[in-house]
Protein backbone atom coordinates (compact mmCIF):
# COMPACT_ATOMS: atom_id res chain seq x y z
CA CYS A 1 106.53 92.00 105.62
CA ARG A 2 108.17 90.78 108.78
CA LYS A 3 111.74 91.29 109.88
CA GLY A 4 113.97 88.31 110.55
CA VAL A 5 117.57 87.17 110.78
CA GLU A 6 119.12 84.48 108.59
CA ILE A 7 120.38 81.61 110.71
CA GLY A 8 124.11 81.12 110.29
CA SER A 9 125.01 84.44 108.69
CA ASN A 10 123.02 86.60 111.12
CA ARG A 11 122.14 88.98 108.29
CA PRO A 12 118.78 90.77 108.46
CA VAL A 13 116.04 89.60 106.11
CA ALA A 14 112.51 90.61 105.16
CA ILE A 15 109.90 87.85 105.15
CA LYS A 16 106.73 88.15 103.12
CA ILE A 17 104.08 85.59 104.02
CA TYR A 18 101.12 85.40 101.69
CA LYS A 19 97.78 85.39 103.46
CA ASP A 20 95.59 82.33 102.97
CA LYS A 21 93.09 83.32 100.30
CA SER A 22 91.91 79.82 99.50
CA ARG A 23 88.24 80.81 99.30
CA ASN A 24 87.20 82.25 95.91
CA ASP A 25 90.85 82.62 94.87
CA ASP A 26 90.96 80.42 91.74
CA GLY A 27 94.73 80.05 92.15
CA ALA A 28 95.40 83.78 91.73
CA THR A 29 97.52 83.99 94.89
CA LEU A 30 99.70 81.07 93.81
CA GLN A 31 100.13 82.59 90.35
CA GLN A 32 101.08 85.94 91.89
CA PHE A 33 103.60 84.18 94.14
CA ILE A 34 105.15 82.24 91.24
CA ARG A 35 105.35 85.42 89.16
CA GLN A 36 107.10 87.26 92.01
CA ILE A 37 109.70 84.48 92.29
CA ASP A 38 110.25 84.51 88.49
CA VAL A 39 110.78 88.30 88.50
CA LEU A 40 113.13 88.27 91.51
CA GLU A 41 115.18 85.45 89.95
CA GLU A 42 115.38 87.35 86.64
CA LEU A 43 116.58 90.47 88.47
CA GLN A 44 119.53 88.50 89.89
CA ARG A 45 120.89 87.55 86.47
CA PRO A 46 123.67 89.65 84.90
CA LEU A 47 122.42 92.62 82.89
CA GLN A 48 122.50 92.22 79.13
CA ARG A 49 122.52 95.02 76.60
CA PRO A 50 119.06 95.22 74.99
CA VAL A 51 118.54 95.50 71.24
CA ASP A 52 117.12 99.01 71.69
CA SER A 53 120.18 101.12 72.59
CA ARG A 54 117.97 103.78 74.24
CA LEU A 55 117.44 101.31 77.10
CA TRP A 56 121.15 101.10 77.95
CA CYS A 57 123.86 103.39 79.27
CA SER A 58 127.56 102.95 79.97
CA GLN A 59 126.94 102.97 83.74
CA LEU A 60 125.22 99.58 83.42
CA GLU A 61 128.35 97.92 81.98
CA GLY A 62 129.61 95.32 84.41
CA ILE A 63 127.43 96.43 87.31
CA SER A 64 126.12 93.70 89.58
CA PRO A 65 122.32 93.38 89.72
CA ALA A 66 122.73 93.18 93.52
CA LYS A 67 123.68 96.87 93.43
CA LEU A 68 120.40 97.75 91.72
CA PHE A 69 117.74 95.30 92.84
CA MET A 70 116.49 93.64 95.99
CA GLN A 71 118.02 90.17 96.29
CA LEU A 72 115.99 87.00 96.66
CA ILE A 73 117.32 84.84 99.49
CA ASP A 74 114.78 82.01 99.67
CA TYR A 75 111.14 81.09 99.10
CA SER A 76 108.71 78.30 99.89
CA ARG A 77 108.90 75.25 97.64
CA THR A 78 106.69 72.27 97.01
CA GLU A 79 107.98 68.75 97.67
CA ASP A 80 109.36 68.63 94.10
CA GLY A 81 111.30 71.90 94.61
CA GLN A 82 109.02 74.20 92.62
CA PRO A 83 107.85 77.58 93.96
CA GLY A 84 104.70 76.89 95.93
CA PRO A 85 103.27 76.11 99.35
CA ASP A 86 105.67 74.71 101.93
CA PRO A 87 104.83 71.01 102.38
CA ASP A 88 105.07 71.26 106.19
CA ASP A 89 102.78 74.22 106.85
CA GLY A 90 101.13 75.02 103.49
CA GLN A 91 102.39 78.63 103.58
CA LEU A 92 103.68 80.71 100.68
CA TYR A 93 106.62 82.89 101.70
CA VAL A 94 109.41 84.90 100.13
CA ILE A 95 112.60 85.92 101.94
CA VAL A 96 114.55 88.88 100.55
CA GLU A 97 117.17 91.30 101.73
CA PRO A 98 115.51 94.21 103.52
CA GLY A 99 115.26 97.51 101.73
CA THR A 100 117.22 100.47 103.02
CA PHE A 101 114.04 102.55 102.98
CA SER A 102 110.48 102.27 101.77
CA LEU A 103 108.90 104.18 98.92
CA LYS A 104 106.82 105.99 101.54
CA ASP A 105 110.02 107.06 103.36
CA TYR A 106 111.65 108.17 100.10
CA LEU A 107 108.67 110.32 99.09
CA LYS A 108 108.44 111.83 102.58
CA THR A 109 112.15 112.72 102.52
CA ARG A 110 111.78 114.35 99.11
CA ARG A 111 108.78 116.34 100.35
CA ASP A 112 110.57 117.36 103.59
CA GLN A 113 113.57 118.56 101.55
CA ASN A 114 111.22 120.51 99.28
CA ARG A 115 112.37 118.44 96.29
CA PRO A 116 109.15 117.18 94.72
CA MET A 117 109.49 114.76 91.85
CA SER A 118 108.95 116.13 88.35
CA ALA A 119 106.00 115.02 86.23
CA ASP A 120 108.46 113.32 83.84
CA THR A 121 110.00 111.32 86.69
CA VAL A 122 106.63 110.17 87.96
CA ARG A 123 105.57 108.96 84.53
């Protein structure tokens, strides 16, 4: 990922540019890109109580998904507006809000504080 700044709002962003894997790819990179966009869009929708009550708790009532998940800001689109290569440069990119810390940083902090994660948590 690369760091950037959104023009107009001046807010920091993270930019993921997919590497060109056109040789021997069979469309896998494009499918991965489209799937990532689908997942990030789904994570921006309001939370709904699942049928299985074990997957819900009162703390999820009325909470904004923006408080829980990374937010999608923009992504490359084809000429017809679908997720895909940018028509000007052929690149696939995703722009999201930057994380406050990486998984690597989180695990290092836990280790430094002598608070290893339990086997149940890791599962």
